[in-house]
C-alpha atoms as a PDB file:
ATOM      1  CA  MET A   1      -6.431  -0.568  -2.285  1.00  0.00           C
ATOM      2  CA  THR A   2      -7.342  -3.421   0.008  1.00  0.00           C
ATOM      3  CA  GLY A   3     -10.929  -2.331   0.589  1.00  0.00           C
ATOM      4  CA  GLU A   4     -13.802  -3.918  -1.228  1.00  0.00           C
ATOM      5  CA  PRO A   5     -12.923  -5.850  -4.382  1.00  0.00           C
ATOM      6  CA  PRO A   6     -13.878  -4.150  -7.644  1.00  0.00           C
ATOM      7  CA  THR A   7     -17.374  -4.864  -8.898  1.00  0.00           C
ATOM      8  CA  SER A   8     -18.063  -6.664 -12.161  1.00  0.00           C
ATOM      9  CA  ASP A   9     -19.039  -3.356 -13.758  1.00  0.00           C
ATOM     10  CA  GLN A  10     -15.802  -1.731 -12.603  1.00  0.00           C
ATOM     11  CA  LEU A  11     -13.803  -4.648 -13.996  1.00  0.00           C
ATOM     12  CA  LEU A  12     -15.567  -4.427 -17.352  1.00  0.00           C
ATOM     13  CA  ALA A  13     -14.536  -0.785 -17.595  1.00  0.00           C
ATOM     14  CA  ASP A  14     -11.100  -1.104 -15.978  1.00  0.00           C
ATOM     15  CA  PRO A  15      -9.935  -4.758 -15.852  1.00  0.00           C
ATOM     16  CA  GLU A  16      -6.559  -3.837 -14.350  1.00  0.00           C
ATOM     17  CA  LEU A  17      -8.331  -3.131 -11.056  1.00  0.00           C
ATOM     18  CA  ALA A  18      -8.543  -6.883 -10.390  1.00  0.00           C
ATOM     19  CA  VAL A  19      -4.808  -7.469 -10.234  1.00  0.00           C
ATOM     20  CA  LEU A  20      -4.187  -4.114  -8.564  1.00  0.00           C
ATOM     21  CA  HIS A  21      -6.638  -5.089  -5.811  1.00  0.00           C
ATOM     22  CA  ALA A  22      -4.795  -8.401  -5.367  1.00  0.00           C
ATOM     23  CA  LEU A  23      -1.477  -6.533  -5.261  1.00  0.00           C
ATOM     24  CA  GLY A  24      -2.835  -4.195  -2.591  1.00  0.00           C
ATOM     25  CA  ALA A  25      -3.892  -7.165  -0.464  1.00  0.00           C
ATOM     26  CA  ALA A  26      -0.448  -8.739  -0.911  1.00  0.00           C
ATOM     27  CA  LEU A  27       1.241  -5.470   0.118  1.00  0.00           C
ATOM     28  CA  THR A  28      -0.834  -5.332   3.297  1.00  0.00           C
ATOM     29  CA  ALA A  29      -0.001  -8.954   4.091  1.00  0.00           C
ATOM     30  CA  ALA A  30       3.701  -8.322   3.487  1.00  0.00           C
ATOM     31  CA  GLN A  31       3.720  -5.262   5.760  1.00  0.00           C
ATOM     32  CA  ARG A  32       1.985  -7.179   8.558  1.00  0.00           C
ATOM     33  CA  ALA A  33       4.306 -10.166   8.194  1.00  0.00           C
ATOM     34  CA  LEU A  34       7.392  -7.956   8.354  1.00  0.00           C
ATOM     35  CA  LEU A  35       6.067  -6.178  11.440  1.00  0.00           C
ATOM     36  CA  ALA A  36       5.289  -9.523  13.070  1.00  0.00           C
ATOM     37  CA  ALA A  37       8.829 -10.703  12.348  1.00  0.00           C
ATOM     38  CA  HIS A  38      10.342  -7.425  13.602  1.00  0.00           C
ATOM     39  CA  PRO A  39       7.965  -6.064  16.288  1.00  0.00           C
ATOM     40  CA  GLN A  40      10.551  -3.525  17.423  1.00  0.00           C
ATOM     41  CA  LEU A  41       9.696  -1.557  14.247  1.00  0.00           C
ATOM     42  CA  GLU A  42       6.264  -0.807  15.699  1.00  0.00           C
ATOM     43  CA  GLU A  43       7.299   0.432  19.124  1.00  0.00           C
ATOM     44  CA  ASP A  44       5.932   3.913  19.841  1.00  0.00           C
ATOM     45  CA  ASP A  45       9.071   5.354  21.412  1.00  0.00           C
ATOM     46  CA  ILE A  46      11.053   4.675  18.233  1.00  0.00           C
ATOM     47  CA  LEU A  47       9.011   7.294  16.416  1.00  0.00           C
ATOM     48  CA  GLY A  48       9.922   9.904  18.990  1.00  0.00           C
ATOM     49  CA  GLY A  49      13.597   9.162  18.573  1.00  0.00           C
ATOM     50  CA  SER A  50      14.100   8.490  22.274  1.00  0.00           C
ATOM     51  CA  ARG A  51      16.348   5.519  21.558  1.00  0.00           C
ATOM     52  CA  PRO A  52      18.042   4.074  18.492  1.00  0.00           C
ATOM     53  CA  LEU A  53      16.690   0.989  16.808  1.00  0.00           C
ATOM     54  CA  GLN A  54      18.509  -2.219  17.686  1.00  0.00           C
ATOM     55  CA  LEU A  55      18.098  -4.163  14.437  1.00  0.00           C
ATOM     56  CA  ASN A  56      20.058  -6.822  12.621  1.00  0.00           C
ATOM     57  CA  GLY A  57      20.579  -6.700   8.848  1.00  0.00           C
ATOM     58  CA  ALA A  58      17.193  -8.283   8.117  1.00  0.00           C
ATOM     59  CA  GLY A  59      15.509  -5.799  10.460  1.00  0.00           C
ATOM     60  CA  TRP A  60      16.987  -2.806   8.658  1.00  0.00           C
ATOM     61  CA  ILE A  61      15.921  -4.223   5.307  1.00  0.00           C
ATOM     62  CA  ALA A  62      12.423  -4.917   6.715  1.00  0.00           C
ATOM     63  CA  ASP A  63      12.234  -1.290   7.852  1.00  0.00           C
ATOM     64  CA  ALA A  64      13.114  -0.083   4.345  1.00  0.00           C
ATOM     65  CA  LEU A  65      10.659  -2.513   2.759  1.00  0.00           C
ATOM     66  CA  ILE A  66       7.810  -1.353   4.981  1.00  0.00           C
ATOM     67  CA  THR A  67       8.466   2.233   3.913  1.00  0.00           C
ATOM     68  CA  GLN A  68       8.604   1.266   0.243  1.00  0.00           C
ATOM     69  CA  LEU A  69       5.484  -0.901   0.463  1.00  0.00           C
ATOM     70  CA  ALA A  70       3.577   1.993   2.007  1.00  0.00           C
ATOM     71  CA  GLY A  71       4.601   4.174  -0.939  1.00  0.00           C
ATOM     72  CA  VAL A  72       3.429   1.596  -3.479  1.00  0.00           C
ATOM     73  CA  GLU A  73       0.157   1.209  -1.588  1.00  0.00           C
ATOM     74  CA  ALA A  74      -0.369   4.991  -1.683  1.00  0.00           C
ATOM     75  CA  SER A  75       0.271   4.996  -5.439  1.00  0.00           C
ATOM     76  CA  LEU A  76      -2.268   2.202  -5.931  1.00  0.00           C
ATOM     77  CA  GLN A  77      -4.862   4.204  -4.005  1.00  0.00           C
ATOM     78  CA  ARG A  78      -4.143   7.312  -6.095  1.00  0.00           C
ATOM     79  CA  TYR A  79      -4.492   5.244  -9.268  1.00  0.00           C
ATOM     80  CA  GLN A  80      -7.851   3.868  -8.144  1.00  0.00           C
ATOM     81  CA  ARG A  81      -9.108   7.383  -7.294  1.00  0.00           C
ATOM     82  CA  GLU A  82      -8.005   8.647 -10.719  1.00  0.00           C
ATOM     83  CA  VAL A  83      -9.751   5.748 -12.479  1.00  0.00           C
ATOM     84  CA  GLU A  84     -12.921   6.538 -10.529  1.00  0.00           C
ATOM     85  CA  ARG A  85     -12.614  10.249 -11.333  1.00  0.00           C
ATOM     86  CA  ALA A  86     -12.067   9.545 -15.029  1.00  0.00           C
ATOM     87  CA  ARG A  87     -15.075   7.226 -15.089  1.00  0.00           C
ATOM     88  CA  ALA A  88     -17.271   9.899 -13.467  1.00  0.00           C
ATOM     89  CA  HIS A  89     -15.992  12.655 -15.793  1.00  0.00           C
ATOM     90  CA  PRO A  90     -14.951  10.922 -19.043  1.00  0.00           C
ATOM     91  CA  HIS A  91     -14.452  14.115 -21.086  1.00  0.00           C
ATOM     92  CA  GLU A  92     -12.479  16.062 -18.502  1.00  0.00           C
ATOM     93  CA  ASP A  93      -8.738  16.411 -19.146  1.00  0.00           C
ATOM     94  CA  PRO A  94      -6.854  15.998 -15.829  1.00  0.00           C
ATOM     95  CA  PHE A  95      -3.958  18.132 -17.067  1.00  0.00           C
END
């Protein structure tokens, strides 16, 4: 949800998009800061499992946070898509 900020028209219809956009930007900043502080989390060979991570306590917590932040960011994006869908089809029941 860190793309373009919501337009004035979007905010009139769905004012919560303002703070959700700000939250998305903060999530992105937090992920980048954690990766900068713990660059070993980004190493390609870790994903392949060729060697175990050598992290301290803060590194392990950073790893968990990055995973959780990605999940929250995905939920924010799904929320924004649903708001857009509902605005385009106001009489359609999603369930």
